[in-house]
Protein backbone atom coordinates (compact mmCIF):
# COMPACT_ATOMS: atom_id res chain seq x y z
CA MET A 1 -15.92 -7.77 12.35
CA GLU A 2 -14.51 -8.23 15.86
CA MET A 3 -13.31 -11.74 14.94
CA VAL A 4 -11.66 -10.42 11.76
CA PHE A 5 -9.96 -7.74 13.89
CA LYS A 6 -8.48 -10.46 16.16
CA ILE A 7 -7.30 -12.51 13.17
CA ILE A 8 -5.59 -9.45 11.68
CA CYS A 9 -3.84 -8.63 14.95
CA MET A 10 -2.53 -12.21 15.15
CA SER A 11 -1.25 -12.13 11.55
CA VAL A 12 0.68 -8.84 11.82
CA LEU A 13 4.40 -9.36 12.36
CA THR A 14 6.69 -7.05 14.30
CA PRO A 15 9.89 -5.79 12.68
CA THR A 16 11.84 -8.05 15.06
CA LYS A 17 9.87 -11.12 13.96
CA ILE A 18 10.26 -10.19 10.28
CA LYS A 19 14.02 -9.84 10.75
CA GLU A 20 14.10 -13.28 12.37
CA LEU A 21 12.14 -14.80 9.46
CA CYS A 22 14.38 -13.08 6.90
CA LYS A 23 17.43 -14.56 8.64
CA GLU A 24 15.82 -18.01 8.87
CA TYR A 25 14.98 -18.12 5.16
CA GLY A 26 18.09 -16.35 3.91
CA LEU A 27 16.09 -13.38 2.71
CA SER A 28 17.23 -9.77 2.49
CA PRO A 29 14.30 -7.41 1.68
CA SER A 30 14.62 -6.78 -2.03
CA LYS A 31 14.21 -3.35 -3.63
CA LYS A 32 13.82 -5.15 -6.95
CA TYR A 33 10.68 -6.93 -5.73
CA GLY A 34 9.49 -4.03 -3.57
CA GLN A 35 9.67 -6.04 -0.35
CA ASN A 36 8.49 -3.68 2.37
CA TYR A 37 6.59 -5.58 5.04
CA LEU A 38 3.51 -4.12 6.74
CA VAL A 39 3.82 -3.98 10.54
CA ASN A 40 0.50 -2.36 11.43
CA PHE A 41 -2.94 -4.02 11.35
CA ASP A 42 -5.02 -0.87 10.67
CA PRO A 43 -4.47 -0.80 6.86
CA ILE A 44 -5.27 -4.52 6.61
CA GLN A 45 -8.51 -4.10 8.52
CA LYS A 46 -9.46 -1.19 6.24
CA MET A 47 -8.70 -3.25 3.12
CA LEU A 48 -10.91 -6.14 4.27
CA GLU A 49 -13.73 -3.76 5.23
CA THR A 50 -13.50 -1.86 1.91
CA ALA A 51 -13.52 -5.08 -0.12
CA GLU A 52 -16.40 -6.42 2.01
CA VAL A 53 -14.67 -9.79 2.21
CA ASN A 54 -16.97 -12.66 3.14
CA LYS A 55 -16.99 -16.48 3.12
CA LYS A 56 -18.38 -16.59 -0.43
CA ASP A 57 -15.49 -14.57 -1.89
CA ASN A 58 -12.66 -15.79 -4.10
CA ILE A 59 -9.61 -13.57 -3.64
CA LEU A 60 -6.57 -12.96 -5.83
CA GLU A 61 -3.51 -11.60 -4.00
CA ILE A 62 -0.15 -10.47 -5.41
CA GLY A 63 3.05 -10.62 -3.37
CA PRO A 64 1.98 -12.24 -0.07
CA GLY A 65 5.45 -12.01 1.49
CA PHE A 66 5.19 -13.48 4.98
CA GLY A 67 1.40 -13.44 4.80
CA VAL A 68 0.35 -10.50 6.95
CA LEU A 69 -2.55 -9.81 4.59
CA THR A 70 -2.85 -13.37 3.29
CA LEU A 71 -3.58 -14.96 6.67
CA ALA A 72 -6.33 -12.44 7.32
CA LEU A 73 -7.81 -13.21 3.89
CA VAL A 74 -7.83 -17.01 4.22
CA ASP A 75 -9.75 -16.76 7.48
CA SER A 76 -12.30 -14.39 5.96
CA ALA A 77 -12.80 -15.65 2.36
CA GLN A 78 -13.77 -18.86 0.61
CA LYS A 79 -10.54 -19.21 -1.36
CA VAL A 80 -7.31 -17.23 -1.80
CA ILE A 81 -4.88 -17.56 -4.71
CA ALA A 82 -1.63 -15.66 -4.10
CA TYR A 83 1.22 -15.00 -6.55
CA GLU A 84 4.71 -14.98 -5.06
CA ILE A 85 7.95 -14.45 -6.99
CA GLU A 86 10.41 -14.95 -4.10
CA LYS A 87 11.31 -18.65 -4.22
CA LYS A 88 13.22 -18.40 -0.93
CA LEU A 89 9.81 -18.32 0.76
CA GLU A 90 8.74 -21.68 -0.67
CA ASP A 91 9.49 -23.66 2.52
CA TYR A 92 7.74 -21.01 4.61
CA TRP A 93 4.57 -21.26 2.53
CA ASN A 94 4.67 -25.04 2.24
CA LYS A 95 4.26 -25.15 6.02
CA LYS A 96 1.39 -22.65 5.92
CA LEU A 97 -0.38 -24.56 3.15
CA GLN A 98 -0.73 -27.53 5.49
CA GLU A 99 -2.82 -25.33 7.80
CA TYR A 100 -5.05 -23.70 5.17
CA SER A 101 -6.94 -25.81 2.63
CA ASN A 102 -8.40 -22.71 0.94
CA LEU A 103 -5.00 -21.17 0.12
CA HIS A 104 -3.10 -21.74 -3.14
CA ILE A 105 0.29 -20.21 -3.95
CA ILE A 106 1.35 -19.70 -7.58
CA TRP A 107 5.12 -19.21 -7.91
CA GLY A 108 6.56 -16.86 -10.48
CA ASN A 109 5.90 -13.51 -12.08
CA ALA A 110 2.34 -12.39 -11.33
CA ILE A 111 1.94 -10.32 -14.51
CA THR A 112 3.06 -13.17 -16.74
CA ASN A 113 0.92 -15.74 -14.93
CA ILE A 114 -2.18 -13.55 -14.91
CA LYS A 115 -1.79 -12.85 -18.64
CA ASN A 116 -1.53 -16.60 -19.19
CA LYS A 117 -4.72 -16.94 -17.09
CA GLU A 118 -3.00 -19.29 -14.67
CA PHE A 119 -5.63 -18.96 -11.97
CA GLU A 120 -8.82 -20.86 -11.31
CA PHE A 121 -11.53 -18.24 -10.91
CA LYS A 122 -14.08 -18.57 -13.68
CA GLY A 123 -16.77 -16.55 -11.92
CA LYS A 124 -16.65 -13.53 -9.64
CA TYR A 125 -13.54 -12.67 -7.68
CA LYS A 126 -11.83 -9.73 -5.97
CA VAL A 127 -8.21 -8.58 -5.98
CA ILE A 128 -6.72 -7.51 -2.65
CA ALA A 129 -2.99 -6.87 -2.40
CA ASN A 130 -0.14 -4.78 -1.09
CA LEU A 131 1.41 -4.08 -4.50
CA PRO A 132 5.13 -3.55 -5.10
CA TYR A 133 5.42 0.07 -6.22
CA GLN A 134 7.37 -0.59 -9.42
CA ILE A 135 4.76 -2.91 -10.95
CA THR A 136 1.58 -1.11 -9.84
CA SER A 137 0.66 0.39 -13.22
CA HIS A 138 1.48 -2.81 -15.11
CA ILE A 139 -0.50 -5.00 -12.69
CA LEU A 140 -3.57 -2.75 -12.82
CA ARG A 141 -3.47 -2.59 -16.60
CA THR A 142 -3.13 -6.39 -16.79
CA LEU A 143 -6.10 -6.95 -14.46
CA LEU A 144 -8.32 -4.40 -16.17
CA GLU A 145 -7.65 -5.85 -19.61
CA LEU A 146 -8.68 -9.38 -18.60
CA GLU A 147 -11.78 -10.77 -20.23
CA ASN A 148 -13.06 -11.83 -16.80
CA LYS A 149 -12.20 -8.79 -14.71
CA PRO A 150 -12.36 -8.74 -10.92
CA GLU A 151 -15.53 -7.18 -9.51
CA LYS A 152 -13.44 -5.08 -7.15
CA ILE A 153 -9.78 -4.20 -6.64
CA VAL A 154 -8.49 -3.02 -3.25
CA VAL A 155 -4.75 -2.44 -3.22
CA MET A 156 -2.08 -0.66 -1.23
CA VAL A 157 0.00 1.46 -3.61
CA GLN A 158 2.33 4.44 -3.56
CA LYS A 159 0.33 7.49 -2.44
CA GLU A 160 1.33 9.58 -5.45
CA VAL A 161 0.20 6.81 -7.82
CA ALA A 162 -3.17 6.50 -6.06
CA GLU A 163 -3.66 10.27 -6.30
CA ARG A 164 -2.73 10.23 -10.00
CA ILE A 165 -5.25 7.47 -10.70
CA CYS A 166 -8.02 9.49 -9.03
CA GLU A 167 -7.20 12.78 -10.78
CA LYS A 168 -9.82 15.00 -12.44
CA PRO A 169 -9.70 16.79 -15.83
CA GLY A 170 -6.83 19.27 -15.85
CA ASN A 171 -4.37 16.79 -14.37
CA MET A 172 -5.37 13.55 -16.07
CA SER A 173 -2.81 10.96 -17.16
CA LEU A 174 -2.91 7.88 -19.34
CA LEU A 175 -3.10 5.77 -16.15
CA ALA A 176 -6.01 7.80 -14.77
CA VAL A 177 -8.00 7.52 -18.02
CA SER A 178 -7.23 3.79 -18.27
CA VAL A 179 -8.42 2.98 -14.74
CA GLN A 180 -11.44 5.30 -14.84
CA TYR A 181 -12.53 3.74 -18.15
CA TYR A 182 -13.07 0.42 -16.37
CA GLY A 183 -14.07 1.42 -12.86
CA GLU A 184 -14.46 4.05 -10.14
CA PRO A 185 -11.24 4.61 -8.16
CA LYS A 186 -11.23 6.05 -4.64
CA ILE A 187 -8.57 6.53 -1.96
CA VAL A 188 -9.94 5.07 1.29
CA LEU A 189 -6.88 5.40 3.53
CA ARG A 190 -3.51 7.13 3.49
CA VAL A 191 -0.72 5.06 5.06
CA SER A 192 2.53 6.66 6.24
CA ARG A 193 5.86 5.00 5.49
CA GLY A 194 6.35 4.24 9.20
CA ASN A 195 3.82 1.39 8.88
CA PHE A 196 6.39 -0.71 6.96
CA TRP A 197 9.70 -2.44 7.54
CA PRO A 198 12.08 -1.64 6.00
CA GLU A 199 10.63 1.84 5.83
CA PRO A 200 10.16 2.95 2.18
CA LYS A 201 11.03 6.44 1.00
CA VAL A 202 7.42 7.27 0.15
CA ASP A 203 3.99 7.07 1.78
CA SER A 204 1.27 4.68 0.62
CA ALA A 205 -2.50 4.67 0.20
CA VAL A 206 -5.25 2.07 0.07
CA LEU A 207 -6.95 2.42 -3.31
CA SER A 208 -10.37 0.93 -4.06
CA ILE A 209 -11.52 0.40 -7.66
CA GLN A 210 -15.14 -0.67 -8.16
CA ILE A 211 -15.23 -2.26 -11.62
CA TYR A 212 -18.14 -1.37 -13.91
CA LYS A 213 -20.11 -4.49 -14.79
CA HIS A 214 -20.45 -3.69 -18.48
CA THR A 215 -16.66 -3.61 -19.02
CA ASN A 216 -16.44 -7.43 -19.05
CA ILE A 217 -17.87 -7.19 -22.56
CA GLN A 218 -14.96 -6.36 -24.88
CA THR A 219 -15.74 -4.21 -27.93
CA SER A 220 -13.78 -3.04 -30.96
CA PHE A 221 -14.24 0.48 -29.57
CA ASP A 222 -12.13 -0.40 -26.49
CA LYS A 223 -9.05 -1.17 -28.57
CA LYS A 224 -9.39 1.96 -30.73
CA PHE A 225 -10.14 4.10 -27.67
CA PHE A 226 -6.84 3.23 -26.00
CA GLU A 227 -4.92 3.56 -29.25
CA ILE A 228 -6.19 7.14 -29.54
CA VAL A 229 -5.68 8.01 -25.85
CA LYS A 230 -2.10 6.67 -25.84
CA ALA A 231 -1.37 8.77 -28.93
CA GLY A 232 -2.86 11.82 -27.22
CA PHE A 233 -0.62 11.48 -24.16
CA ALA A 234 2.54 10.79 -26.19
CA ASN A 235 3.87 14.29 -25.47
CA LYS A 236 2.04 16.25 -22.74
CA ARG A 237 3.72 19.51 -23.75
CA LYS A 238 2.19 19.42 -27.21
CA GLN A 239 -1.38 20.29 -28.09
CA LEU A 240 -3.65 17.30 -28.40
CA TRP A 241 -4.45 17.71 -32.09
CA ARG A 242 -0.74 17.60 -32.96
CA ASN A 243 -0.08 14.46 -30.89
CA LEU A 244 -3.03 12.68 -32.48
CA SER A 245 -2.14 13.77 -35.99
CA VAL A 246 1.52 12.72 -35.74
CA ASN A 247 1.07 9.47 -33.82
CA LEU A 248 -2.07 8.25 -35.58
CA LYS A 249 -0.93 9.55 -38.97
CA ILE A 250 -4.21 11.40 -39.49
CA ASP A 251 -4.53 14.77 -41.21
CA GLY A 252 -4.37 17.58 -38.66
CA GLU A 253 -7.44 19.34 -40.07
CA LYS A 254 -9.54 16.22 -39.52
CA ILE A 255 -8.43 16.11 -35.87
CA LYS A 256 -9.23 19.80 -35.40
CA LYS A 257 -12.73 19.30 -36.80
CA ALA A 258 -13.25 16.35 -34.41
CA LEU A 259 -12.20 18.59 -31.52
CA LEU A 260 -14.70 21.28 -32.54
CA LYS A 261 -17.50 18.70 -32.84
CA SER A 262 -16.61 17.55 -29.31
CA TYR A 263 -16.86 21.17 -28.05
CA LEU A 264 -13.13 21.26 -27.32
CA LYS A 265 -10.69 24.05 -28.07
CA GLU A 266 -8.09 23.52 -30.75
CA THR A 267 -5.39 24.33 -28.15
CA VAL A 268 -6.54 21.70 -25.64
CA ARG A 269 -4.02 19.24 -24.19
CA ALA A 270 -4.59 15.57 -23.31
CA GLN A 271 -4.57 16.09 -19.53
CA GLU A 272 -7.49 18.52 -19.74
CA LEU A 273 -10.05 16.04 -21.10
CA SER A 274 -12.51 14.09 -18.99
CA LEU A 275 -13.21 10.43 -19.70
CA GLU A 276 -16.52 11.32 -21.37
CA GLN A 277 -14.82 13.91 -23.57
CA TRP A 278 -12.28 11.30 -24.66
CA LYS A 279 -15.10 8.92 -25.59
CA LYS A 280 -16.92 11.59 -27.58
CA LEU A 281 -13.73 12.66 -29.37
CA CYS A 282 -12.87 9.04 -30.26
CA GLY A 283 -16.33 8.64 -31.75
CA PHE A 284 -15.66 11.49 -34.18
CA ILE A 285 -12.15 10.30 -35.06
CA LEU A 286 -13.05 6.65 -35.75
């Protein structure tokens, strides 16, 4: 791990160096793309340790930027495929690609490309990335709905989003249920906004999601489950039975009976249910 530590230190860029690179490549950090560059090696080291990156690993990265995380990954893993949307960085990465034979950059929208399965990993792989805040939920949903899911996801995200994903019954959300259905999420490090340039308005966190092995097998229940859960969270102020009845167009009395069979109160709201309670309730509704 000492060698990895040295590689990480070498790959981290100072704000001054990032400003120089931005000027060289005509780049102004974009709010649209969530371009906040990491200037501290500690979170990167924690991400590599959490993901247990080794020379047998295939890694998928989203938004490499100037490669602070990417360069640590290529020296630690077998292969790295990174999605980058900022075409102004093409010359920068073309130079880097000459140095690293195990690095491949895919240009364009990561969500679109991943949905189109434009990457080469047919077997096991991990996702490690510093995610732009505005696409976090969409990226996670896209990855978790893939037929060949990653075995592990380790991402830097907005702290509030990480906390919402890890919530317990009482404060659950559609995002929390969706992630917890496929894997076990855990916050492994909180990262203050001062670790980035330009400094964002919010703090971040490193989130680890260990994907359950059985979820690579898609079932008809999966589709119905999420249809029911989305209907349940349609209006958090309303009682669950009413949301389900209105949005699924099912008689309210049938929903109430399903709640009673699931040992749930008629007045329960969506955010109060655990994942297991959702599964049991769906079984009685289907």
